[in-house]
Amino acid sequence: SRLYRCDTGDILFDGRSLLKVPRHRIAGIGIGRTFQNLALFRTM
């Protein structure tokens, strides 16, 4: 999700390195995520 940076190695998504993708673009390139602890807007 690009919340952490890798110290070594690489991660390729559809042949493209995720390490070069800004974290705010991750959803836009096609990666969705849920969280271990709910991260919802509870009053909405």
PDB file of all heavy atoms in Angstrom:
ATOM      1  N   SER A   1       0.818  -1.215   0.000  1.00  0.00           N
ATOM      2  CA  SER A   1       0.000   0.000   0.000  1.00  0.00           C
ATOM      3  C   SER A   1       0.849   1.261   0.000  1.00  0.00           C
ATOM      4  O   SER A   1       0.309   2.371  -0.009  1.00  0.00           O
ATOM      5  CB  SER A   1      -0.917   0.021   1.235  1.00  0.00           C
ATOM      6  OG  SER A   1      -1.720  -1.135   1.296  1.00  0.00           O
ATOM      7  N   ARG A   2       2.173   1.110   0.060  1.00  0.00           N
ATOM      8  CA  ARG A   2       3.140   2.212   0.105  1.00  0.00           C
ATOM      9  C   ARG A   2       3.072   3.001   1.407  1.00  0.00           C
ATOM     10  O   ARG A   2       3.558   4.122   1.501  1.00  0.00           O
ATOM     11  CB  ARG A   2       2.957   3.160  -1.081  1.00  0.00           C
ATOM     12  CG  ARG A   2       3.203   2.533  -2.437  1.00  0.00           C
ATOM     13  CD  ARG A   2       4.690   2.302  -2.701  1.00  0.00           C
ATOM     14  NE  ARG A   2       5.354   3.569  -2.971  1.00  0.00           N
ATOM     15  CZ  ARG A   2       6.358   4.064  -2.243  1.00  0.00           C
ATOM     16  NH1 ARG A   2       6.820   3.412  -1.196  1.00  0.00           N
ATOM     17  NH2 ARG A   2       6.901   5.216  -2.556  1.00  0.00           N
ATOM     18  N   LEU A   3       2.469   2.392   2.448  1.00  0.00           N
ATOM     19  CA  LEU A   3       2.496   3.022   3.771  1.00  0.00           C
ATOM     20  C   LEU A   3       3.879   2.868   4.393  1.00  0.00           C
ATOM     21  O   LEU A   3       4.310   3.707   5.184  1.00  0.00           O
ATOM     22  CB  LEU A   3       1.427   2.404   4.674  1.00  0.00           C
ATOM     23  CG  LEU A   3      -0.023   2.558   4.185  1.00  0.00           C
ATOM     24  CD1 LEU A   3      -0.971   1.841   5.129  1.00  0.00           C
ATOM     25  CD2 LEU A   3      -0.400   4.024   4.063  1.00  0.00           C
ATOM     26  N   TYR A   4       4.561   1.762   4.073  1.00  0.00           N
ATOM     27  CA  TYR A   4       5.945   1.542   4.483  1.00  0.00           C
ATOM     28  C   TYR A   4       6.829   1.520   3.245  1.00  0.00           C
ATOM     29  O   TYR A   4       6.372   1.185   2.147  1.00  0.00           O
ATOM     30  CB  TYR A   4       6.113   0.199   5.208  1.00  0.00           C
ATOM     31  CG  TYR A   4       5.489   0.088   6.572  1.00  0.00           C
ATOM     32  CD1 TYR A   4       5.415  -1.142   7.217  1.00  0.00           C
ATOM     33  CD2 TYR A   4       4.951   1.196   7.231  1.00  0.00           C
ATOM     34  CE1 TYR A   4       4.845  -1.270   8.477  1.00  0.00           C
ATOM     35  CE2 TYR A   4       4.380   1.081   8.475  1.00  0.00           C
ATOM     36  CZ  TYR A   4       4.323  -0.150   9.101  1.00  0.00           C
ATOM     37  OH  TYR A   4       3.758  -0.279  10.331  1.00  0.00           O
ATOM     38  N   ARG A   5       8.082   1.855   3.443  1.00  0.00           N
ATOM     39  CA  ARG A   5       9.075   1.764   2.373  1.00  0.00           C
ATOM     40  C   ARG A   5       9.906   0.501   2.547  1.00  0.00           C
ATOM     41  O   ARG A   5      10.273   0.128   3.668  1.00  0.00           O
ATOM     42  CB  ARG A   5       9.985   2.992   2.399  1.00  0.00           C
ATOM     43  CG  ARG A   5       9.288   4.304   2.109  1.00  0.00           C
ATOM     44  CD  ARG A   5      10.248   5.471   2.131  1.00  0.00           C
ATOM     45  NE  ARG A   5      11.285   5.339   1.124  1.00  0.00           N
ATOM     46  CZ  ARG A   5      12.277   6.206   0.949  1.00  0.00           C
ATOM     47  NH1 ARG A   5      12.363   7.269   1.744  1.00  0.00           N
ATOM     48  NH2 ARG A   5      13.167   6.025  -0.001  1.00  0.00           N
ATOM     49  N   CYS A   6      10.210  -0.150   1.430  1.00  0.00           N
ATOM     50  CA  CYS A   6      11.093  -1.310   1.464  1.00  0.00           C
ATOM     51  C   CYS A   6      12.540  -0.832   1.588  1.00  0.00           C
ATOM     52  O   CYS A   6      12.946   0.104   0.900  1.00  0.00           O
ATOM     53  CB  CYS A   6      10.949  -2.138   0.193  1.00  0.00           C
ATOM     54  SG  CYS A   6       9.286  -2.712  -0.150  1.00  0.00           S
ATOM     55  N   ASP A   7      13.303  -1.481   2.455  1.00  0.00           N
ATOM     56  CA  ASP A   7      14.727  -1.169   2.549  1.00  0.00           C
ATOM     57  C   ASP A   7      15.512  -1.847   1.429  1.00  0.00           C
ATOM     58  O   ASP A   7      16.511  -1.318   0.948  1.00  0.00           O
ATOM     59  CB  ASP A   7      15.275  -1.605   3.916  1.00  0.00           C
ATOM     60  CG  ASP A   7      14.660  -0.794   5.050  1.00  0.00           C
ATOM     61  OD1 ASP A   7      14.679   0.445   4.969  1.00  0.00           O
ATOM     62  OD2 ASP A   7      14.161  -1.402   6.018  1.00  0.00           O
ATOM     63  N   THR A   8      15.048  -3.030   1.047  1.00  0.00           N
ATOM     64  CA  THR A   8      15.674  -3.756  -0.062  1.00  0.00           C
ATOM     65  C   THR A   8      14.585  -4.407  -0.900  1.00  0.00           C
ATOM     66  O   THR A   8      13.456  -4.592  -0.446  1.00  0.00           O
ATOM     67  CB  THR A   8      16.636  -4.853   0.452  1.00  0.00           C
ATOM     68  OG1 THR A   8      15.898  -5.780   1.274  1.00  0.00           O
ATOM     69  CG2 THR A   8      17.765  -4.243   1.273  1.00  0.00           C
ATOM     70  N   GLY A   9      14.940  -4.774  -2.133  1.00  0.00           N
ATOM     71  CA  GLY A   9      14.018  -5.488  -2.997  1.00  0.00           C
ATOM     72  C   GLY A   9      13.084  -4.577  -3.775  1.00  0.00           C
ATOM     73  O   GLY A   9      13.236  -3.354  -3.791  1.00  0.00           O
ATOM     74  N   ASP A  10      12.091  -5.175  -4.393  1.00  0.00           N
ATOM     75  CA  ASP A  10      11.157  -4.441  -5.233  1.00  0.00           C
ATOM     76  C   ASP A  10       9.819  -5.165  -5.227  1.00  0.00           C
ATOM     77  O   ASP A  10       9.734  -6.362  -4.904  1.00  0.00           O
ATOM     78  CB  ASP A  10      11.695  -4.350  -6.667  1.00  0.00           C
ATOM     79  CG  ASP A  10      11.064  -3.209  -7.468  1.00  0.00           C
ATOM     80  OD1 ASP A  10      10.147  -2.556  -6.939  1.00  0.00           O
ATOM     81  OD2 ASP A  10      11.498  -2.991  -8.609  1.00  0.00           O
ATOM     82  N   ILE A  11       8.759  -4.441  -5.572  1.00  0.00           N
ATOM     83  CA  ILE A  11       7.421  -5.006  -5.709  1.00  0.00           C
ATOM     84  C   ILE A  11       6.883  -4.558  -7.060  1.00  0.00           C
ATOM     85  O   ILE A  11       6.792  -3.356  -7.326  1.00  0.00           O
ATOM     86  CB  ILE A  11       6.480  -4.531  -4.584  1.00  0.00           C
ATOM     87  CG1 ILE A  11       7.027  -4.941  -3.214  1.00  0.00           C
ATOM     88  CG2 ILE A  11       5.087  -5.110  -4.788  1.00  0.00           C
ATOM     89  CD1 ILE A  11       6.265  -4.333  -2.043  1.00  0.00           C
ATOM     90  N   LEU A  12       6.534  -5.516  -7.906  1.00  0.00           N
ATOM     91  CA  LEU A  12       6.045  -5.218  -9.248  1.00  0.00           C
ATOM     92  C   LEU A  12       4.555  -5.527  -9.341  1.00  0.00           C
ATOM     93  O   LEU A  12       4.115  -6.611  -8.956  1.00  0.00           O
ATOM     94  CB  LEU A  12       6.801  -6.038 -10.295  1.00  0.00           C
ATOM     95  CG  LEU A  12       8.324  -5.888 -10.304  1.00  0.00           C
ATOM     96  CD1 LEU A  12       8.927  -6.791 -11.373  1.00  0.00           C
ATOM     97  CD2 LEU A  12       8.732  -4.441 -10.536  1.00  0.00           C
ATOM     98  N   PHE A  13       3.794  -4.566  -9.835  1.00  0.00           N
ATOM     99  CA  PHE A  13       2.360  -4.735 -10.055  1.00  0.00           C
ATOM    100  C   PHE A  13       2.084  -4.506 -11.529  1.00  0.00           C
ATOM    101  O   PHE A  13       2.322  -3.411 -12.055  1.00  0.00           O
ATOM    102  CB  PHE A  13       1.572  -3.748  -9.197  1.00  0.00           C
ATOM    103  CG  PHE A  13       0.084  -3.810  -9.398  1.00  0.00           C
ATOM    104  CD1 PHE A  13      -0.627  -4.934  -9.017  1.00  0.00           C
ATOM    105  CD2 PHE A  13      -0.598  -2.753  -9.986  1.00  0.00           C
ATOM    106  CE1 PHE A  13      -2.001  -5.004  -9.199  1.00  0.00           C
ATOM    107  CE2 PHE A  13      -1.965  -2.807 -10.175  1.00  0.00           C
ATOM    108  CZ  PHE A  13      -2.668  -3.939  -9.783  1.00  0.00           C
ATOM    109  N   ASP A  14       1.638  -5.549 -12.206  1.00  0.00           N
ATOM    110  CA  ASP A  14       1.457  -5.483 -13.666  1.00  0.00           C
ATOM    111  C   ASP A  14       2.743  -5.039 -14.350  1.00  0.00           C
ATOM    112  O   ASP A  14       2.724  -4.262 -15.308  1.00  0.00           O
ATOM    113  CB  ASP A  14       0.308  -4.541 -14.029  1.00  0.00           C
ATOM    114  CG  ASP A  14      -1.031  -5.260 -14.094  1.00  0.00           C
ATOM    115  OD1 ASP A  14      -1.029  -6.507 -14.144  1.00  0.00           O
ATOM    116  OD2 ASP A  14      -2.079  -4.589 -14.100  1.00  0.00           O
ATOM    117  N   GLY A  15       3.874  -5.501 -13.844  1.00  0.00           N
ATOM    118  CA  GLY A  15       5.169  -5.199 -14.430  1.00  0.00           C
ATOM    119  C   GLY A  15       5.755  -3.856 -14.058  1.00  0.00           C
ATOM    120  O   GLY A  15       6.848  -3.513 -14.516  1.00  0.00           O
ATOM    121  N   ARG A  16       5.059  -3.103 -13.222  1.00  0.00           N
ATOM    122  CA  ARG A  16       5.494  -1.756 -12.844  1.00  0.00           C
ATOM    123  C   ARG A  16       5.901  -1.741 -11.375  1.00  0.00           C
ATOM    124  O   ARG A  16       5.186  -2.264 -10.524  1.00  0.00           O
ATOM    125  CB  ARG A  16       4.344  -0.778 -13.070  1.00  0.00           C
ATOM    126  CG  ARG A  16       4.607   0.657 -12.643  1.00  0.00           C
ATOM    127  CD  ARG A  16       3.328   1.475 -12.783  1.00  0.00           C
ATOM    128  NE  ARG A  16       3.540   2.876 -12.467  1.00  0.00           N
ATOM    129  CZ  ARG A  16       2.578   3.797 -12.426  1.00  0.00           C
ATOM    130  NH1 ARG A  16       1.322   3.429 -12.673  1.00  0.00           N
ATOM    131  NH2 ARG A  16       2.841   5.042 -12.126  1.00  0.00           N
ATOM    132  N   SER A  17       7.027  -1.125 -11.077  1.00  0.00           N
ATOM    133  CA  SER A  17       7.498  -1.060  -9.700  1.00  0.00           C
ATOM    134  C   SER A  17       6.594  -0.157  -8.868  1.00  0.00           C
ATOM    135  O   SER A  17       6.377   1.009  -9.199  1.00  0.00           O
ATOM    136  CB  SER A  17       8.931  -0.537  -9.643  1.00  0.00           C
ATOM    137  OG  SER A  17       9.335  -0.373  -8.281  1.00  0.00           O
ATOM    138  N   LEU A  18       6.069  -0.709  -7.769  1.00  0.00           N
ATOM    139  CA  LEU A  18       5.251   0.091  -6.862  1.00  0.00           C
ATOM    140  C   LEU A  18       6.082   1.111  -6.084  1.00  0.00           C
ATOM    141  O   LEU A  18       5.544   2.090  -5.565  1.00  0.00           O
ATOM    142  CB  LEU A  18       4.517  -0.818  -5.866  1.00  0.00           C
ATOM    143  CG  LEU A  18       3.356  -1.648  -6.400  1.00  0.00           C
ATOM    144  CD1 LEU A  18       2.717  -2.434  -5.262  1.00  0.00           C
ATOM    145  CD2 LEU A  18       2.313  -0.763  -7.072  1.00  0.00           C
ATOM    146  N   LEU A  19       7.381   0.885  -6.005  1.00  0.00           N
ATOM    147  CA  LEU A  19       8.231   1.776  -5.221  1.00  0.00           C
ATOM    148  C   LEU A  19       8.317   3.168  -5.848  1.00  0.00           C
ATOM    149  O   LEU A  19       8.726   4.126  -5.182  1.00  0.00           O
ATOM    150  CB  LEU A  19       9.635   1.185  -5.077  1.00  0.00           C
ATOM    151  CG  LEU A  19       9.719  -0.247  -4.517  1.00  0.00           C
ATOM    152  CD1 LEU A  19      11.156  -0.604  -4.224  1.00  0.00           C
ATOM    153  CD2 LEU A  19       8.850  -0.406  -3.274  1.00  0.00           C
ATOM    154  N   LYS A  20       7.906   3.264  -7.108  1.00  0.00           N
ATOM    155  CA  LYS A  20       7.920   4.554  -7.794  1.00  0.00           C
ATOM    156  C   LYS A  20       6.541   5.216  -7.835  1.00  0.00           C
ATOM    157  O   LYS A  20       6.384   6.288  -8.415  1.00  0.00           O
ATOM    158  CB  LYS A  20       8.447   4.365  -9.224  1.00  0.00           C
ATOM    159  CG  LYS A  20       9.853   3.781  -9.287  1.00  0.00           C
ATOM    160  CD  LYS A  20      10.270   3.497 -10.714  1.00  0.00           C
ATOM    161  CE  LYS A  20      11.657   2.855 -10.771  1.00  0.00           C
ATOM    162  NZ  LYS A  20      12.048   2.525 -12.168  1.00  0.00           N
ATOM    163  N   VAL A  21       5.559   4.560  -7.229  1.00  0.00           N
ATOM    164  CA  VAL A  21       4.195   5.070  -7.249  1.00  0.00           C
ATOM    165  C   VAL A  21       3.899   5.788  -5.928  1.00  0.00           C
ATOM    166  O   VAL A  21       4.038   5.195  -4.861  1.00  0.00           O
ATOM    167  CB  VAL A  21       3.170   3.929  -7.446  1.00  0.00           C
ATOM    168  CG1 VAL A  21       1.754   4.481  -7.468  1.00  0.00           C
ATOM    169  CG2 VAL A  21       3.467   3.161  -8.726  1.00  0.00           C
ATOM    170  N   PRO A  22       3.478   7.063  -5.966  1.00  0.00           N
ATOM    171  CA  PRO A  22       3.105   7.755  -4.722  1.00  0.00           C
ATOM    172  C   PRO A  22       1.956   7.021  -4.040  1.00  0.00           C
ATOM    173  O   PRO A  22       1.081   6.461  -4.713  1.00  0.00           O
ATOM    174  CB  PRO A  22       2.670   9.147  -5.197  1.00  0.00           C
ATOM    175  CG  PRO A  22       3.259   9.298  -6.558  1.00  0.00           C
ATOM    176  CD  PRO A  22       3.321   7.921  -7.157  1.00  0.00           C
ATOM    177  N   ARG A  23       1.946   7.035  -2.718  1.00  0.00           N
ATOM    178  CA  ARG A  23       0.940   6.267  -1.995  1.00  0.00           C
ATOM    179  C   ARG A  23      -0.487   6.704  -2.330  1.00  0.00           C
ATOM    180  O   ARG A  23      -1.410   5.883  -2.315  1.00  0.00           O
ATOM    181  CB  ARG A  23       1.191   6.333  -0.491  1.00  0.00           C
ATOM    182  CG  ARG A  23       1.077   7.711   0.122  1.00  0.00           C
ATOM    183  CD  ARG A  23       1.403   7.689   1.602  1.00  0.00           C
ATOM    184  NE  ARG A  23       2.779   7.243   1.854  1.00  0.00           N
ATOM    185  CZ  ARG A  23       3.358   7.300   3.043  1.00  0.00           C
ATOM    186  NH1 ARG A  23       2.700   7.767   4.088  1.00  0.00           N
ATOM    187  NH2 ARG A  23       4.602   6.894   3.199  1.00  0.00           N
ATOM    188  N   HIS A  24      -0.684   7.993  -2.670  1.00  0.00           N
ATOM    189  CA  HIS A  24      -2.039   8.442  -2.972  1.00  0.00           C
ATOM    190  C   HIS A  24      -2.497   7.990  -4.360  1.00  0.00           C
ATOM    191  O   HIS A  24      -3.662   8.203  -4.721  1.00  0.00           O
ATOM    192  CB  HIS A  24      -2.146   9.976  -2.860  1.00  0.00           C
ATOM    193  CG  HIS A  24      -1.316  10.726  -3.850  1.00  0.00           C
ATOM    194  ND1 HIS A  24       0.025  10.951  -3.671  1.00  0.00           N
ATOM    195  CD2 HIS A  24      -1.648  11.306  -5.038  1.00  0.00           C
ATOM    196  CE1 HIS A  24       0.494  11.646  -4.696  1.00  0.00           C
ATOM    197  NE2 HIS A  24      -0.496  11.870  -5.536  1.00  0.00           N
ATOM    198  N   ARG A  25      -1.607   7.343  -5.122  1.00  0.00           N
ATOM    199  CA  ARG A  25      -1.976   6.823  -6.441  1.00  0.00           C
ATOM    200  C   ARG A  25      -2.225   5.311  -6.426  1.00  0.00           C
ATOM    201  O   ARG A  25      -2.593   4.741  -7.458  1.00  0.00           O
ATOM    202  CB  ARG A  25      -0.858   7.115  -7.446  1.00  0.00           C
ATOM    203  CG  ARG A  25      -0.576   8.606  -7.664  1.00  0.00           C
ATOM    204  CD  ARG A  25      -1.715   9.290  -8.347  1.00  0.00           C
ATOM    205  NE  ARG A  25      -1.409  10.684  -8.658  1.00  0.00           N
ATOM    206  CZ  ARG A  25      -2.313  11.569  -9.030  1.00  0.00           C
ATOM    207  NH1 ARG A  25      -3.580  11.199  -9.162  1.00  0.00           N
ATOM    208  NH2 ARG A  25      -1.978  12.825  -9.271  1.00  0.00           N
ATOM    209  N   ILE A  26      -2.030   4.669  -5.306  1.00  0.00           N
ATOM    210  CA  ILE A  26      -2.134   3.210  -5.243  1.00  0.00           C
ATOM    211  C   ILE A  26      -3.537   2.729  -5.616  1.00  0.00           C
ATOM    212  O   ILE A  26      -3.703   1.793  -6.394  1.00  0.00           O
ATOM    213  CB  ILE A  26      -1.733   2.701  -3.848  1.00  0.00           C
ATOM    214  CG1 ILE A  26      -0.225   2.876  -3.627  1.00  0.00           C
ATOM    215  CG2 ILE A  26      -2.120   1.244  -3.673  1.00  0.00           C
ATOM    216  CD1 ILE A  26       0.644   2.061  -4.571  1.00  0.00           C
ATOM    217  N   ALA A  27      -4.565   3.356  -5.058  1.00  0.00           N
ATOM    218  CA  ALA A  27      -5.935   2.953  -5.397  1.00  0.00           C
ATOM    219  C   ALA A  27      -6.209   3.180  -6.873  1.00  0.00           C
ATOM    220  O   ALA A  27      -6.883   2.372  -7.532  1.00  0.00           O
ATOM    221  CB  ALA A  27      -6.937   3.723  -4.543  1.00  0.00           C
ATOM    222  N   GLY A  28      -5.669   4.262  -7.419  1.00  0.00           N
ATOM    223  CA  GLY A  28      -5.912   4.607  -8.806  1.00  0.00           C
ATOM    224  C   GLY A  28      -5.320   3.626  -9.805  1.00  0.00           C
ATOM    225  O   GLY A  28      -5.854   3.466 -10.908  1.00  0.00           O
ATOM    226  N   ILE A  29      -4.230   2.953  -9.432  1.00  0.00           N
ATOM    227  CA  ILE A  29      -3.627   1.991 -10.368  1.00  0.00           C
ATOM    228  C   ILE A  29      -4.259   0.609 -10.249  1.00  0.00           C
ATOM    229  O   ILE A  29      -3.922  -0.293 -11.017  1.00  0.00           O
ATOM    230  CB  ILE A  29      -2.098   1.887 -10.182  1.00  0.00           C
ATOM    231  CG1 ILE A  29      -1.727   1.289  -8.826  1.00  0.00           C
ATOM    232  CG2 ILE A  29      -1.436   3.239 -10.383  1.00  0.00           C
ATOM    233  CD1 ILE A  29      -0.244   0.972  -8.687  1.00  0.00           C
ATOM    234  N   GLY A  30      -5.159   0.443  -9.264  1.00  0.00           N
ATOM    235  CA  GLY A  30      -5.906  -0.815  -9.212  1.00  0.00           C
ATOM    236  C   GLY A  30      -5.657  -1.687  -8.008  1.00  0.00           C
ATOM    237  O   GLY A  30      -5.877  -2.901  -8.083  1.00  0.00           O
ATOM    238  N   ILE A  31      -5.228  -1.126  -6.888  1.00  0.00           N
ATOM    239  CA  ILE A  31      -5.034  -1.900  -5.661  1.00  0.00           C
ATOM    240  C   ILE A  31      -5.979  -1.373  -4.587  1.00  0.00           C
ATOM    241  O   ILE A  31      -5.905  -0.210  -4.193  1.00  0.00           O
ATOM    242  CB  ILE A  31      -3.573  -1.826  -5.158  1.00  0.00           C
ATOM    243  CG1 ILE A  31      -2.621  -2.394  -6.208  1.00  0.00           C
ATOM    244  CG2 ILE A  31      -3.421  -2.587  -3.833  1.00  0.00           C
ATOM    245  CD1 ILE A  31      -1.156  -2.315  -5.815  1.00  0.00           C
ATOM    246  N   GLY A  32      -6.893  -2.238  -4.130  1.00  0.00           N
ATOM    247  CA  GLY A  32      -7.817  -1.889  -3.056  1.00  0.00           C
ATOM    248  C   GLY A  32      -7.476  -2.664  -1.808  1.00  0.00           C
ATOM    249  O   GLY A  32      -6.891  -3.745  -1.873  1.00  0.00           O
ATOM    250  N   ARG A  33      -7.869  -2.115  -0.642  1.00  0.00           N
ATOM    251  CA  ARG A  33      -7.466  -2.752   0.610  1.00  0.00           C
ATOM    252  C   ARG A  33      -8.514  -2.562   1.702  1.00  0.00           C
ATOM    253  O   ARG A  33      -9.149  -1.519   1.797  1.00  0.00           O
ATOM    254  CB  ARG A  33      -6.144  -2.155   1.083  1.00  0.00           C
ATOM    255  CG  ARG A  33      -5.690  -2.730   2.415  1.00  0.00           C
ATOM    256  CD  ARG A  33      -4.422  -2.123   2.925  1.00  0.00           C
ATOM    257  NE  ARG A  33      -4.086  -2.698   4.215  1.00  0.00           N
ATOM    258  CZ  ARG A  33      -2.999  -2.411   4.912  1.00  0.00           C
ATOM    259  NH1 ARG A  33      -2.116  -1.543   4.446  1.00  0.00           N
ATOM    260  NH2 ARG A  33      -2.788  -2.984   6.083  1.00  0.00           N
ATOM    261  N   THR A  34      -8.653  -3.600   2.534  1.00  0.00           N
ATOM    262  CA  THR A  34      -9.338  -3.459   3.810  1.00  0.00           C
ATOM    263  C   THR A  34      -8.277  -3.536   4.898  1.00  0.00           C
ATOM    264  O   THR A  34      -7.134  -3.928   4.649  1.00  0.00           O
ATOM    265  CB  THR A  34     -10.380  -4.567   4.043  1.00  0.00           C
ATOM    266  OG1 THR A  34      -9.717  -5.835   4.154  1.00  0.00           O
ATOM    267  CG2 THR A  34     -11.384  -4.614   2.897  1.00  0.00           C
ATOM    268  N   PHE A  35      -8.669  -3.162   6.128  1.00  0.00           N
ATOM    269  CA  PHE A  35      -7.713  -3.092   7.224  1.00  0.00           C
ATOM    270  C   PHE A  35      -8.098  -4.044   8.351  1.00  0.00           C
ATOM    271  O   PHE A  35      -9.278  -4.360   8.546  1.00  0.00           O
ATOM    272  CB  PHE A  35      -7.615  -1.665   7.765  1.00  0.00           C
ATOM    273  CG  PHE A  35      -6.961  -0.707   6.812  1.00  0.00           C
ATOM    274  CD1 PHE A  35      -7.695  -0.113   5.798  1.00  0.00           C
ATOM    275  CD2 PHE A  35      -5.609  -0.422   6.905  1.00  0.00           C
ATOM    276  CE1 PHE A  35      -7.100   0.764   4.902  1.00  0.00           C
ATOM    277  CE2 PHE A  35      -4.999   0.452   6.014  1.00  0.00           C
ATOM    278  CZ  PHE A  35      -5.748   1.045   5.009  1.00  0.00           C
ATOM    279  N   GLN A  36      -7.072  -4.472   9.102  1.00  0.00           N
ATOM    280  CA  GLN A  36      -7.294  -5.368  10.228  1.00  0.00           C
ATOM    281  C   GLN A  36      -8.231  -4.711  11.248  1.00  0.00           C
ATOM    282  O   GLN A  36      -9.150  -5.336  11.764  1.00  0.00           O
ATOM    283  CB  GLN A  36      -5.952  -5.709  10.883  1.00  0.00           C
ATOM    284  CG  GLN A  36      -6.059  -6.652  12.069  1.00  0.00           C
ATOM    285  CD  GLN A  36      -4.687  -6.989  12.639  1.00  0.00           C
ATOM    286  OE1 GLN A  36      -3.658  -6.652  12.050  1.00  0.00           O
ATOM    287  NE2 GLN A  36      -4.671  -7.647  13.767  1.00  0.00           N
ATOM    288  N   ASN A  37      -7.974  -3.439  11.551  1.00  0.00           N
ATOM    289  CA  ASN A  37      -8.857  -2.650  12.401  1.00  0.00           C
ATOM    290  C   ASN A  37      -9.690  -1.751  11.497  1.00  0.00           C
ATOM    291  O   ASN A  37      -9.151  -1.054  10.641  1.00  0.00           O
ATOM    292  CB  ASN A  37      -8.047  -1.803  13.385  1.00  0.00           C
ATOM    293  CG  ASN A  37      -7.202  -2.651  14.316  1.00  0.00           C
ATOM    294  OD1 ASN A  37      -7.697  -3.622  14.890  1.00  0.00           O
ATOM    295  ND2 ASN A  37      -5.936  -2.295  14.455  1.00  0.00           N
ATOM    296  N   LEU A  38     -10.993  -1.785  11.677  1.00  0.00           N
ATOM    297  CA  LEU A  38     -11.889  -1.039  10.799  1.00  0.00           C
ATOM    298  C   LEU A  38     -11.468   0.420  10.682  1.00  0.00           C
ATOM    299  O   LEU A  38     -11.165   1.071  11.679  1.00  0.00           O
ATOM    300  CB  LEU A  38     -13.320  -1.115  11.332  1.00  0.00           C
ATOM    301  CG  LEU A  38     -14.030  -2.470  11.178  1.00  0.00           C
ATOM    302  CD1 LEU A  38     -15.369  -2.438  11.887  1.00  0.00           C
ATOM    303  CD2 LEU A  38     -14.207  -2.832   9.720  1.00  0.00           C
ATOM    304  N   ALA A  39     -11.455   0.921   9.456  1.00  0.00           N
ATOM    305  CA  ALA A  39     -11.051   2.306   9.198  1.00  0.00           C
ATOM    306  C   ALA A  39     -12.178   3.038   8.474  1.00  0.00           C
ATOM    307  O   ALA A  39     -11.973   3.653   7.436  1.00  0.00           O
ATOM    308  CB  ALA A  39      -9.765   2.340   8.382  1.00  0.00           C
ATOM    309  N   LEU A  40     -13.378   2.926   9.039  1.00  0.00           N
ATOM    310  CA  LEU A  40     -14.552   3.549   8.433  1.00  0.00           C
ATOM    311  C   LEU A  40     -14.832   4.912   9.064  1.00  0.00           C
ATOM    312  O   LEU A  40     -14.350   5.216  10.162  1.00  0.00           O
ATOM    313  CB  LEU A  40     -15.779   2.653   8.629  1.00  0.00           C
ATOM    314  CG  LEU A  40     -15.732   1.293   7.926  1.00  0.00           C
ATOM    315  CD1 LEU A  40     -16.872   0.406   8.432  1.00  0.00           C
ATOM    316  CD2 LEU A  40     -15.824   1.456   6.420  1.00  0.00           C
ATOM    317  N   PHE A  41     -15.630   5.713   8.362  1.00  0.00           N
ATOM    318  CA  PHE A  41     -16.130   6.971   8.915  1.00  0.00           C
ATOM    319  C   PHE A  41     -17.418   6.635   9.663  1.00  0.00           C
ATOM    320  O   PHE A  41     -18.494   6.530   9.066  1.00  0.00           O
ATOM    321  CB  PHE A  41     -16.371   7.980   7.796  1.00  0.00           C
ATOM    322  CG  PHE A  41     -15.129   8.339   7.032  1.00  0.00           C
ATOM    323  CD1 PHE A  41     -14.852   7.749   5.811  1.00  0.00           C
ATOM    324  CD2 PHE A  41     -14.219   9.256   7.553  1.00  0.00           C
ATOM    325  CE1 PHE A  41     -13.698   8.070   5.104  1.00  0.00           C
ATOM    326  CE2 PHE A  41     -13.065   9.584   6.854  1.00  0.00           C
ATOM    327  CZ  PHE A  41     -12.804   8.989   5.630  1.00  0.00           C
ATOM    328  N   ARG A  42     -17.317   6.478  10.963  1.00  0.00           N
ATOM    329  CA  ARG A  42     -18.388   5.863  11.753  1.00  0.00           C
ATOM    330  C   ARG A  42     -19.651   6.714  11.832  1.00  0.00           C
ATOM    331  O   ARG A  42     -20.746   6.182  12.009  1.00  0.00           O
ATOM    332  CB  ARG A  42     -17.876   5.539  13.158  1.00  0.00           C
ATOM    333  CG  ARG A  42     -16.796   4.462  13.145  1.00  0.00           C
ATOM    334  CD  ARG A  42     -16.268   4.182  14.558  1.00  0.00           C
ATOM    335  NE  ARG A  42     -17.327   3.847  15.503  1.00  0.00           N
ATOM    336  CZ  ARG A  42     -17.918   2.665  15.585  1.00  0.00           C
ATOM    337  NH1 ARG A  42     -17.534   1.692  14.757  1.00  0.00           N
ATOM    338  NH2 ARG A  42     -18.850   2.436  16.477  1.00  0.00           N
ATOM    339  N   THR A  43     -19.536   8.031  11.714  1.00  0.00           N
ATOM    340  CA  THR A  43     -20.725   8.878  11.802  1.00  0.00           C
ATOM    341  C   THR A  43     -21.389   9.087  10.445  1.00  0.00           C
ATOM    342  O   THR A  43     -22.460   9.687  10.369  1.00  0.00           O
ATOM    343  CB  THR A  43     -20.378  10.254  12.407  1.00  0.00           C
ATOM    344  OG1 THR A  43     -19.403  10.908  11.586  1.00  0.00           O
ATOM    345  CG2 THR A  43     -19.810  10.092  13.823  1.00  0.00           C
ATOM    346  N   MET A  44     -20.762   8.569   9.395  1.00  0.00           N
ATOM    347  CA  MET A  44     -21.337   8.688   8.058  1.00  0.00           C
ATOM    348  C   MET A  44     -22.164   7.459   7.728  1.00  0.00           C
ATOM    349  O   MET A  44     -22.031   6.405   8.359  1.00  0.00           O
ATOM    350  CB  MET A  44     -20.220   8.869   7.016  1.00  0.00           C
ATOM    351  CG  MET A  44     -19.538  10.227   7.095  1.00  0.00           C
ATOM    352  SD  MET A  44     -18.006  10.328   6.118  1.00  0.00           S
ATOM    353  CE  MET A  44     -18.540   9.771   4.505  1.00  0.00           C
TER     354      MET A  44
END
